[in-house]
Amino acid sequence: METFILHGIQVILLLGMAGLLLLMTWHLYRHRINPFKRFATGFWIGLITDLLDTMGIGSFATTTTFYKMTHLVDDDRKIPGTMNAIHAIPVLLQAFCFITVVKVEASTLIPMAIASFIGALVGPLLTKNWNTSTIQRILGSLLILAAIFIVYRLIFNPGSDNSTAIHGLSGIWLVIGILYNFIIGILMTLGLGNYAPELIFFSLMGLSPAIAMPVMMLDAAMIMTASATQFIREKRVAWEGSAGMILGGIIGVLIAVRFLTSLNLNVLKQFVVLIVLFTGGMMIRASFKSTD
């Protein structure tokens, strides 16, 4: 039953990729748009940004920077829609790949991803009066403290967890995980990523941090598929270089998946610490910039 459910999710992800591709193709044909203009520029942007996204760095900040550098998107108002639409297929591929290569229980994957998705839906109503810079400082500081705790465990108590034997949460820990992901989904509406918090959560639970990858990416795939469809229909996507970006993004995802799944558990945990420290530092830095 477990395998059947996971395969069902993979089929849905494949259908999502095919549906988005068909929608894009129909839109481009109907409006006589050539997505192959500046193919090479789009290709290297997609390759780099989706490779980094799969490794936990994120893609939106880097994509925005490259758009500014190359003038691939001249209208800043179209940048959010373009990023969501063009990165959607690579993100769906990320979810598909990690569900395939990372063993995770469906009873953990599905409820936690849905909780984060619901949190992202209700987030705009709850966070409209929140102080984003304060949240960034608090979450960034907590991430750094959690990373230090993981380093302590790696140095003084290595191999003490059961992460190779357990592939999901159960009982009260699953309830905590669902509530945690609901909160993370809410924070996503403030522009805070969910990858580093997910990595920290599963690491502190004594599970392999690799389990965070399918959970986080399934959630991102659901959100981006819905938003990409809306952005395309509202004509809020700049299509120049898009074919190159999608192809480059797919290749970047496959390279990153190969790299991450070849790491042993201790090296993966060290990699997690670096990602979390980087993310926490960037959050704190951004919080002070937003108050300047």
C-alpha atoms as a PDB file:
ATOM      1  CA  MET A   1       0.000   0.000   0.000  1.00  0.00           C
ATOM      2  CA  GLU A   2       2.845   2.369   0.928  1.00  0.00           C
ATOM      3  CA  THR A   3       4.585   1.793  -2.402  1.00  0.00           C
ATOM      4  CA  PHE A   4       1.313   2.176  -4.289  1.00  0.00           C
ATOM      5  CA  ILE A   5       0.672   5.599  -2.691  1.00  0.00           C
ATOM      6  CA  LEU A   6       4.184   6.853  -3.451  1.00  0.00           C
ATOM      7  CA  HIS A   7       3.918   5.658  -7.060  1.00  0.00           C
ATOM      8  CA  GLY A   8       0.564   7.422  -7.261  1.00  0.00           C
ATOM      9  CA  ILE A   9       2.230  10.684  -6.171  1.00  0.00           C
ATOM     10  CA  GLN A  10       4.899  10.183  -8.821  1.00  0.00           C
ATOM     11  CA  VAL A  11       2.225   9.714 -11.495  1.00  0.00           C
ATOM     12  CA  ILE A  12       0.530  12.928 -10.355  1.00  0.00           C
ATOM     13  CA  LEU A  13       3.854  14.772 -10.557  1.00  0.00           C
ATOM     14  CA  LEU A  14       4.445  13.457 -14.092  1.00  0.00           C
ATOM     15  CA  LEU A  15       0.940  14.524 -15.085  1.00  0.00           C
ATOM     16  CA  GLY A  16       1.640  17.934 -13.557  1.00  0.00           C
ATOM     17  CA  MET A  17       4.786  18.313 -15.658  1.00  0.00           C
ATOM     18  CA  ALA A  18       2.964  17.201 -18.809  1.00  0.00           C
ATOM     19  CA  GLY A  19      -0.012  19.469 -18.079  1.00  0.00           C
ATOM     20  CA  LEU A  20       2.196  22.519 -17.507  1.00  0.00           C
ATOM     21  CA  LEU A  21       4.169  21.798 -20.665  1.00  0.00           C
ATOM     22  CA  LEU A  22       0.957  21.506 -22.683  1.00  0.00           C
ATOM     23  CA  LEU A  23      -0.404  24.733 -21.193  1.00  0.00           C
ATOM     24  CA  MET A  24       2.823  26.556 -22.014  1.00  0.00           C
ATOM     25  CA  THR A  25       2.929  25.156 -25.548  1.00  0.00           C
ATOM     26  CA  TRP A  26      -0.685  26.124 -26.216  1.00  0.00           C
ATOM     27  CA  HIS A  27      -0.158  29.622 -24.800  1.00  0.00           C
ATOM     28  CA  LEU A  28       2.988  30.164 -26.883  1.00  0.00           C
ATOM     29  CA  TYR A  29       1.324  28.855 -30.045  1.00  0.00           C
ATOM     30  CA  ARG A  30      -1.829  30.891 -29.511  1.00  0.00           C
ATOM     31  CA  HIS A  31       0.064  34.135 -28.941  1.00  0.00           C
ATOM     32  CA  ARG A  32       2.824  33.386 -31.477  1.00  0.00           C
ATOM     33  CA  ILE A  33       5.644  33.682 -28.941  1.00  0.00           C
ATOM     34  CA  ASN A  34       9.101  32.278 -29.621  1.00  0.00           C
ATOM     35  CA  PRO A  35      10.541  30.855 -26.351  1.00  0.00           C
ATOM     36  CA  PHE A  36      13.866  29.962 -28.027  1.00  0.00           C
ATOM     37  CA  LYS A  37      15.147  33.544 -28.219  1.00  0.00           C
ATOM     38  CA  ARG A  38      18.333  33.901 -26.151  1.00  0.00           C
ATOM     39  CA  PHE A  39      18.288  30.142 -25.564  1.00  0.00           C
ATOM     40  CA  ALA A  40      21.913  29.978 -24.336  1.00  0.00           C
ATOM     41  CA  THR A  41      21.393  32.740 -21.746  1.00  0.00           C
ATOM     42  CA  GLY A  42      18.284  31.034 -20.413  1.00  0.00           C
ATOM     43  CA  PHE A  43      20.040  27.662 -20.369  1.00  0.00           C
ATOM     44  CA  TRP A  44      22.911  28.655 -18.089  1.00  0.00           C
ATOM     45  CA  ILE A  45      20.584  30.605 -15.794  1.00  0.00           C
ATOM     46  CA  GLY A  46      18.294  27.573 -15.436  1.00  0.00           C
ATOM     47  CA  LEU A  47      21.227  25.183 -14.981  1.00  0.00           C
ATOM     48  CA  ILE A  48      22.815  27.188 -12.165  1.00  0.00           C
ATOM     49  CA  THR A  49      19.669  28.311 -10.337  1.00  0.00           C
ATOM     50  CA  ASP A  50      17.874  24.951 -10.297  1.00  0.00           C
ATOM     51  CA  LEU A  51      21.075  23.103  -9.385  1.00  0.00           C
ATOM     52  CA  LEU A  52      21.465  25.435  -6.395  1.00  0.00           C
ATOM     53  CA  ASP A  53      17.756  25.160  -5.605  1.00  0.00           C
ATOM     54  CA  THR A  54      17.957  21.357  -5.452  1.00  0.00           C
ATOM     55  CA  MET A  55      20.927  21.678  -3.094  1.00  0.00           C
ATOM     56  CA  GLY A  56      18.984  23.950  -0.757  1.00  0.00           C
ATOM     57  CA  ILE A  57      20.313  27.397  -1.712  1.00  0.00           C
ATOM     58  CA  GLY A  58      17.038  28.422  -3.349  1.00  0.00           C
ATOM     59  CA  SER A  59      16.422  29.737  -6.844  1.00  0.00           C
ATOM     60  CA  PHE A  60      14.449  32.978  -6.596  1.00  0.00           C
ATOM     61  CA  ALA A  61      17.214  35.277  -5.313  1.00  0.00           C
ATOM     62  CA  THR A  62      19.775  33.914  -7.764  1.00  0.00           C
ATOM     63  CA  THR A  63      17.325  34.007 -10.682  1.00  0.00           C
ATOM     64  CA  THR A  64      16.408  37.619  -9.940  1.00  0.00           C
ATOM     65  CA  THR A  65      20.107  38.538  -9.853  1.00  0.00           C
ATOM     66  CA  PHE A  66      20.756  36.859 -13.208  1.00  0.00           C
ATOM     67  CA  TYR A  67      17.678  38.501 -14.740  1.00  0.00           C
ATOM     68  CA  LYS A  68      19.057  41.881 -13.706  1.00  0.00           C
ATOM     69  CA  MET A  69      22.528  41.057 -15.040  1.00  0.00           C
ATOM     70  CA  THR A  70      21.366  39.781 -18.424  1.00  0.00           C
ATOM     71  CA  HIS A  71      18.207  41.911 -18.880  1.00  0.00           C
ATOM     72  CA  LEU A  72      16.391  38.699 -19.805  1.00  0.00           C
ATOM     73  CA  VAL A  73      13.271  40.107 -18.132  1.00  0.00           C
ATOM     74  CA  ASP A  74      13.024  43.853 -18.698  1.00  0.00           C
ATOM     75  CA  ASP A  75       9.714  44.354 -16.862  1.00  0.00           C
ATOM     76  CA  ASP A  76      10.270  43.861 -13.119  1.00  0.00           C
ATOM     77  CA  ARG A  77       6.546  43.324 -12.625  1.00  0.00           C
ATOM     78  CA  LYS A  78       6.847  40.055 -14.565  1.00  0.00           C
ATOM     79  CA  ILE A  79       9.763  38.649 -12.558  1.00  0.00           C
ATOM     80  CA  PRO A  80       7.661  36.800  -9.897  1.00  0.00           C
ATOM     81  CA  GLY A  81       5.367  35.252 -12.505  1.00  0.00           C
ATOM     82  CA  THR A  82       8.260  34.311 -14.776  1.00  0.00           C
ATOM     83  CA  MET A  83      10.214  32.621 -11.988  1.00  0.00           C
ATOM     84  CA  ASN A  84       7.204  30.653 -10.757  1.00  0.00           C
ATOM     85  CA  ALA A  85       6.216  29.509 -14.249  1.00  0.00           C
ATOM     86  CA  ILE A  86       9.683  28.661 -15.578  1.00  0.00           C
ATOM     87  CA  HIS A  87      10.964  26.954 -12.414  1.00  0.00           C
ATOM     88  CA  ALA A  88       7.754  24.946 -11.921  1.00  0.00           C
ATOM     89  CA  ILE A  89       8.719  22.013 -14.167  1.00  0.00           C
ATOM     90  CA  PRO A  90      12.227  21.609 -12.642  1.00  0.00           C
ATOM     91  CA  VAL A  91      10.688  21.763  -9.141  1.00  0.00           C
ATOM     92  CA  LEU A  92       8.159  19.065 -10.073  1.00  0.00           C
ATOM     93  CA  LEU A  93      11.129  17.001 -11.299  1.00  0.00           C
ATOM     94  CA  GLN A  94      12.897  17.597  -7.968  1.00  0.00           C
ATOM     95  CA  ALA A  95       9.926  16.179  -6.093  1.00  0.00           C
ATOM     96  CA  PHE A  96       9.665  13.214  -8.468  1.00  0.00           C
ATOM     97  CA  CYS A  97      13.369  12.378  -8.154  1.00  0.00           C
ATOM     98  CA  PHE A  98      13.576  12.556  -4.380  1.00  0.00           C
ATOM     99  CA  ILE A  99      10.426  10.496  -3.886  1.00  0.00           C
ATOM    100  CA  THR A 100      12.162   7.931  -6.111  1.00  0.00           C
ATOM    101  CA  VAL A 101      15.611   7.917  -4.499  1.00  0.00           C
ATOM    102  CA  VAL A 102      14.869   8.825  -0.847  1.00  0.00           C
ATOM    103  CA  LYS A 103      12.959   6.295   1.225  1.00  0.00           C
ATOM    104  CA  VAL A 104      10.207   8.149   3.086  1.00  0.00           C
ATOM    105  CA  GLU A 105       6.949   6.898   4.578  1.00  0.00           C
ATOM    106  CA  ALA A 106       3.823   8.174   2.836  1.00  0.00           C
ATOM    107  CA  SER A 107       2.239   8.698   6.272  1.00  0.00           C
ATOM    108  CA  THR A 108       4.897  11.360   6.912  1.00  0.00           C
ATOM    109  CA  LEU A 109       5.340  12.776   3.419  1.00  0.00           C
ATOM    110  CA  ILE A 110       1.694  13.497   2.565  1.00  0.00           C
ATOM    111  CA  PRO A 111       0.383  15.053   5.839  1.00  0.00           C
ATOM    112  CA  MET A 112       3.463  17.258   6.285  1.00  0.00           C
ATOM    113  CA  ALA A 113       3.415  18.486   2.683  1.00  0.00           C
ATOM    114  CA  ILE A 114      -0.332  19.197   2.870  1.00  0.00           C
ATOM    115  CA  ALA A 115       0.116  21.038   6.204  1.00  0.00           C
ATOM    116  CA  SER A 116       2.754  23.305   4.671  1.00  0.00           C
ATOM    117  CA  PHE A 117       0.570  23.885   1.612  1.00  0.00           C
ATOM    118  CA  ILE A 118      -2.423  24.857   3.790  1.00  0.00           C
ATOM    119  CA  GLY A 119      -0.182  27.134   5.816  1.00  0.00           C
ATOM    120  CA  ALA A 120       0.915  28.871   2.615  1.00  0.00           C
ATOM    121  CA  LEU A 121      -2.729  29.320   1.574  1.00  0.00           C
ATOM    122  CA  VAL A 122      -3.860  30.927   4.839  1.00  0.00           C
ATOM    123  CA  GLY A 123      -0.574  32.729   5.435  1.00  0.00           C
ATOM    124  CA  PRO A 124      -1.419  35.974   3.596  1.00  0.00           C
ATOM    125  CA  LEU A 125      -4.449  36.449   5.879  1.00  0.00           C
ATOM    126  CA  LEU A 126      -2.447  35.822   9.048  1.00  0.00           C
ATOM    127  CA  THR A 127       0.813  37.619   8.262  1.00  0.00           C
ATOM    128  CA  LYS A 128      -0.408  40.869   6.722  1.00  0.00           C
ATOM    129  CA  ASN A 129       0.412  42.811   9.917  1.00  0.00           C
ATOM    130  CA  TRP A 130       3.487  40.825  10.945  1.00  0.00           C
ATOM    131  CA  ASN A 131       6.917  42.482  11.083  1.00  0.00           C
ATOM    132  CA  THR A 132       8.911  40.549   8.493  1.00  0.00           C
ATOM    133  CA  SER A 133      12.335  41.770   9.668  1.00  0.00           C
ATOM    134  CA  THR A 134      11.659  40.593  13.240  1.00  0.00           C
ATOM    135  CA  ILE A 135      10.555  37.156  12.023  1.00  0.00           C
ATOM    136  CA  GLN A 136      13.681  36.933   9.841  1.00  0.00           C
ATOM    137  CA  ARG A 137      15.947  37.681  12.809  1.00  0.00           C
ATOM    138  CA  ILE A 138      14.202  35.199  15.094  1.00  0.00           C
ATOM    139  CA  LEU A 139      14.092  32.371  12.552  1.00  0.00           C
ATOM    140  CA  GLY A 140      17.633  33.074  11.330  1.00  0.00           C
ATOM    141  CA  SER A 141      18.963  32.978  14.908  1.00  0.00           C
ATOM    142  CA  LEU A 142      17.071  29.754  15.673  1.00  0.00           C
ATOM    143  CA  LEU A 143      18.480  28.102  12.543  1.00  0.00           C
ATOM    144  CA  ILE A 144      22.023  29.029  13.525  1.00  0.00           C
ATOM    145  CA  LEU A 145      21.512  27.726  17.092  1.00  0.00           C
ATOM    146  CA  ALA A 146      20.086  24.458  15.738  1.00  0.00           C
ATOM    147  CA  ALA A 147      23.052  24.093  13.353  1.00  0.00           C
ATOM    148  CA  ILE A 148      25.457  24.576  16.289  1.00  0.00           C
ATOM    149  CA  PHE A 149      23.581  21.860  18.202  1.00  0.00           C
ATOM    150  CA  ILE A 150      23.955  19.468  15.247  1.00  0.00           C
ATOM    151  CA  VAL A 151      27.690  20.232  15.081  1.00  0.00           C
ATOM    152  CA  TYR A 152      27.940  19.444  18.807  1.00  0.00           C
ATOM    153  CA  ARG A 153      26.233  16.077  18.248  1.00  0.00           C
ATOM    154  CA  LEU A 154      28.454  15.283  15.257  1.00  0.00           C
ATOM    155  CA  ILE A 155      31.609  15.981  17.288  1.00  0.00           C
ATOM    156  CA  PHE A 156      30.741  14.576  20.726  1.00  0.00           C
ATOM    157  CA  ASN A 157      28.075  11.969  19.971  1.00  0.00           C
ATOM    158  CA  PRO A 158      28.466  10.789  16.367  1.00  0.00           C
ATOM    159  CA  GLY A 159      26.327   7.929  15.106  1.00  0.00           C
ATOM    160  CA  SER A 160      23.957   8.196  18.078  1.00  0.00           C
ATOM    161  CA  ASP A 161      20.745   8.482  16.089  1.00  0.00           C
ATOM    162  CA  ASN A 162      18.618   5.892  14.311  1.00  0.00           C
ATOM    163  CA  SER A 163      18.346   7.814  11.065  1.00  0.00           C
ATOM    164  CA  THR A 164      19.284   4.863   8.896  1.00  0.00           C
ATOM    165  CA  ALA A 165      16.516   2.688  10.350  1.00  0.00           C
ATOM    166  CA  ILE A 166      13.548   5.076  10.444  1.00  0.00           C
ATOM    167  CA  HIS A 167      12.068   6.768   7.388  1.00  0.00           C
ATOM    168  CA  GLY A 168       9.209   8.731   8.891  1.00  0.00           C
ATOM    169  CA  LEU A 169       7.470  10.048  11.973  1.00  0.00           C
ATOM    170  CA  SER A 170       4.642   8.524  13.992  1.00  0.00           C
ATOM    171  CA  GLY A 171       2.439   9.316  16.970  1.00  0.00           C
ATOM    172  CA  ILE A 172       3.013  12.612  18.763  1.00  0.00           C
ATOM    173  CA  TRP A 173       6.127  13.326  16.683  1.00  0.00           C
ATOM    174  CA  LEU A 174       4.083  13.211  13.493  1.00  0.00           C
ATOM    175  CA  VAL A 175       1.552  15.617  15.039  1.00  0.00           C
ATOM    176  CA  ILE A 176       4.420  17.948  15.969  1.00  0.00           C
ATOM    177  CA  GLY A 177       5.768  17.630  12.421  1.00  0.00           C
ATOM    178  CA  ILE A 178       2.403  18.539  10.906  1.00  0.00           C
ATOM    179  CA  LEU A 179       2.032  21.588  13.167  1.00  0.00           C
ATOM    180  CA  TYR A 180       5.631  22.574  12.454  1.00  0.00           C
ATOM    181  CA  ASN A 181       5.088  22.397   8.698  1.00  0.00           C
ATOM    182  CA  PHE A 182       1.863  24.386   8.966  1.00  0.00           C
ATOM    183  CA  ILE A 183       3.853  27.173  10.636  1.00  0.00           C
ATOM    184  CA  ILE A 184       6.608  26.905   8.016  1.00  0.00           C
ATOM    185  CA  GLY A 185       3.960  27.210   5.297  1.00  0.00           C
ATOM    186  CA  ILE A 186       2.715  30.421   6.912  1.00  0.00           C
ATOM    187  CA  LEU A 187       6.260  31.813   7.078  1.00  0.00           C
ATOM    188  CA  MET A 188       6.739  31.016   3.385  1.00  0.00           C
ATOM    189  CA  THR A 189       4.231  33.779   2.602  1.00  0.00           C
ATOM    190  CA  LEU A 190       6.722  36.246   4.127  1.00  0.00           C
ATOM    191  CA  GLY A 191       9.324  35.140   1.609  1.00  0.00           C
ATOM    192  CA  LEU A 192      11.109  32.753   3.985  1.00  0.00           C
ATOM    193  CA  GLY A 193      12.178  29.444   2.467  1.00  0.00           C
ATOM    194  CA  ASN A 194      11.186  26.081   3.907  1.00  0.00           C
ATOM    195  CA  TYR A 195      14.215  23.982   2.959  1.00  0.00           C
ATOM    196  CA  ALA A 196      16.610  24.855   5.814  1.00  0.00           C
ATOM    197  CA  PRO A 197      13.886  24.617   8.522  1.00  0.00           C
ATOM    198  CA  GLU A 198      12.848  21.197   7.146  1.00  0.00           C
ATOM    199  CA  LEU A 199      16.457  19.973   7.138  1.00  0.00           C
ATOM    200  CA  ILE A 200      16.905  21.091  10.743  1.00  0.00           C
ATOM    201  CA  PHE A 201      13.629  19.533  11.896  1.00  0.00           C
ATOM    202  CA  PHE A 202      14.365  16.034  10.577  1.00  0.00           C
ATOM    203  CA  SER A 203      17.976  16.210  11.773  1.00  0.00           C
ATOM    204  CA  LEU A 204      16.869  17.114  15.301  1.00  0.00           C
ATOM    205  CA  MET A 205      14.273  14.318  15.197  1.00  0.00           C
ATOM    206  CA  GLY A 206      17.150  11.865  14.691  1.00  0.00           C
ATOM    207  CA  LEU A 207      16.131  11.038  11.107  1.00  0.00           C
ATOM    208  CA  SER A 208      18.154  11.428   7.952  1.00  0.00           C
ATOM    209  CA  PRO A 209      17.920  15.046   6.736  1.00  0.00           C
ATOM    210  CA  ALA A 210      17.446  13.599   3.253  1.00  0.00           C
ATOM    211  CA  ILE A 211      13.802  12.946   4.215  1.00  0.00           C
ATOM    212  CA  ALA A 212      13.301  16.722   4.205  1.00  0.00           C
ATOM    213  CA  MET A 213      13.923  16.825   0.469  1.00  0.00           C
ATOM    214  CA  PRO A 214      10.814  15.008  -0.815  1.00  0.00           C
ATOM    215  CA  VAL A 215       8.638  16.671   1.853  1.00  0.00           C
ATOM    216  CA  MET A 216       9.806  20.179   1.015  1.00  0.00           C
ATOM    217  CA  MET A 217       9.851  19.654  -2.738  1.00  0.00           C
ATOM    218  CA  LEU A 218       6.406  18.070  -2.907  1.00  0.00           C
ATOM    219  CA  ASP A 219       5.036  21.081  -1.095  1.00  0.00           C
ATOM    220  CA  ALA A 220       6.888  23.519  -3.371  1.00  0.00           C
ATOM    221  CA  ALA A 221       5.700  21.591  -6.427  1.00  0.00           C
ATOM    222  CA  MET A 222       2.037  21.928  -5.380  1.00  0.00           C
ATOM    223  CA  ILE A 223       2.332  25.650  -4.673  1.00  0.00           C
ATOM    224  CA  MET A 224       4.318  26.488  -7.818  1.00  0.00           C
ATOM    225  CA  THR A 225       2.088  24.451 -10.135  1.00  0.00           C
ATOM    226  CA  ALA A 226      -0.994  26.333  -8.958  1.00  0.00           C
ATOM    227  CA  SER A 227       0.677  29.743  -9.124  1.00  0.00           C
ATOM    228  CA  ALA A 228       2.396  29.071 -12.475  1.00  0.00           C
ATOM    229  CA  THR A 229      -0.913  28.197 -14.121  1.00  0.00           C
ATOM    230  CA  GLN A 230      -2.418  31.451 -12.887  1.00  0.00           C
ATOM    231  CA  PHE A 231       0.572  33.556 -13.959  1.00  0.00           C
ATOM    232  CA  ILE A 232       0.507  32.076 -17.475  1.00  0.00           C
ATOM    233  CA  ARG A 233      -3.205  32.723 -17.924  1.00  0.00           C
ATOM    234  CA  GLU A 234      -2.808  36.306 -16.684  1.00  0.00           C
ATOM    235  CA  LYS A 235       0.069  36.900 -19.169  1.00  0.00           C
ATOM    236  CA  ARG A 236       2.487  37.788 -16.382  1.00  0.00           C
ATOM    237  CA  VAL A 237       5.343  35.680 -17.771  1.00  0.00           C
ATOM    238  CA  ALA A 238       8.277  36.909 -19.882  1.00  0.00           C
ATOM    239  CA  TRP A 239       9.001  34.060 -22.298  1.00  0.00           C
ATOM    240  CA  GLU A 240      12.353  35.110 -23.775  1.00  0.00           C
ATOM    241  CA  GLY A 241      14.934  32.433 -22.952  1.00  0.00           C
ATOM    242  CA  SER A 242      12.298  30.263 -21.268  1.00  0.00           C
ATOM    243  CA  ALA A 243      12.989  27.122 -23.333  1.00  0.00           C
ATOM    244  CA  GLY A 244      16.656  27.296 -22.388  1.00  0.00           C
ATOM    245  CA  MET A 245      15.857  27.898 -18.732  1.00  0.00           C
ATOM    246  CA  ILE A 246      13.555  24.899 -18.488  1.00  0.00           C
ATOM    247  CA  LEU A 247      16.020  22.555 -20.200  1.00  0.00           C
ATOM    248  CA  GLY A 248      18.958  23.911 -18.204  1.00  0.00           C
ATOM    249  CA  GLY A 249      16.908  23.635 -15.014  1.00  0.00           C
ATOM    250  CA  ILE A 250      16.090  19.980 -15.687  1.00  0.00           C
ATOM    251  CA  ILE A 251      19.770  19.158 -16.218  1.00  0.00           C
ATOM    252  CA  GLY A 252      20.745  21.133 -13.105  1.00  0.00           C
ATOM    253  CA  VAL A 253      18.237  19.171 -11.011  1.00  0.00           C
ATOM    254  CA  LEU A 254      19.552  15.818 -12.246  1.00  0.00           C
ATOM    255  CA  ILE A 255      23.172  16.809 -11.519  1.00  0.00           C
ATOM    256  CA  ALA A 256      22.301  17.972  -7.989  1.00  0.00           C
ATOM    257  CA  VAL A 257      20.211  14.869  -7.214  1.00  0.00           C
ATOM    258  CA  ARG A 258      23.113  12.673  -8.288  1.00  0.00           C
ATOM    259  CA  PHE A 259      25.507  14.629  -6.061  1.00  0.00           C
ATOM    260  CA  LEU A 260      23.276  14.665  -2.983  1.00  0.00           C
ATOM    261  CA  THR A 261      22.289  11.008  -3.115  1.00  0.00           C
ATOM    262  CA  SER A 262      25.937   9.937  -3.393  1.00  0.00           C
ATOM    263  CA  LEU A 263      26.830  11.551  -0.035  1.00  0.00           C
ATOM    264  CA  ASN A 264      27.070   9.368   3.057  1.00  0.00           C
ATOM    265  CA  LEU A 265      25.003  10.352   6.095  1.00  0.00           C
ATOM    266  CA  ASN A 266      27.725  12.184   8.041  1.00  0.00           C
ATOM    267  CA  VAL A 267      28.822  14.189   5.015  1.00  0.00           C
ATOM    268  CA  LEU A 268      25.159  14.980   4.301  1.00  0.00           C
ATOM    269  CA  LYS A 269      24.742  16.286   7.851  1.00  0.00           C
ATOM    270  CA  GLN A 270      27.821  18.481   7.442  1.00  0.00           C
ATOM    271  CA  PHE A 271      26.341  19.779   4.197  1.00  0.00           C
ATOM    272  CA  VAL A 272      23.079  20.492   6.034  1.00  0.00           C
ATOM    273  CA  VAL A 273      24.947  22.531   8.634  1.00  0.00           C
ATOM    274  CA  LEU A 274      26.526  24.672   5.906  1.00  0.00           C
ATOM    275  CA  ILE A 275      23.164  25.224   4.186  1.00  0.00           C
ATOM    276  CA  VAL A 276      21.444  26.120   7.453  1.00  0.00           C
ATOM    277  CA  LEU A 277      24.204  28.486   8.589  1.00  0.00           C
ATOM    278  CA  PHE A 278      24.149  30.178   5.188  1.00  0.00           C
ATOM    279  CA  THR A 279      20.350  30.499   5.231  1.00  0.00           C
ATOM    280  CA  GLY A 280      20.255  31.747   8.817  1.00  0.00           C
ATOM    281  CA  GLY A 281      22.964  34.316   8.119  1.00  0.00           C
ATOM    282  CA  MET A 282      21.196  35.534   4.990  1.00  0.00           C
ATOM    283  CA  MET A 283      17.914  35.899   6.911  1.00  0.00           C
ATOM    284  CA  ILE A 284      19.528  38.001   9.625  1.00  0.00           C
ATOM    285  CA  ARG A 285      21.348  40.103   7.013  1.00  0.00           C
ATOM    286  CA  ALA A 286      18.121  40.643   5.055  1.00  0.00           C
ATOM    287  CA  SER A 287      16.267  41.656   8.230  1.00  0.00           C
ATOM    288  CA  PHE A 288      18.638  44.557   8.815  1.00  0.00           C
ATOM    289  CA  LYS A 289      18.520  45.578   5.153  1.00  0.00           C
ATOM    290  CA  SER A 290      14.717  45.746   5.236  1.00  0.00           C
ATOM    291  CA  THR A 291      14.847  48.210   8.148  1.00  0.00           C
ATOM    292  CA  ASP A 292      17.388  50.565   6.541  1.00  0.00           C
END
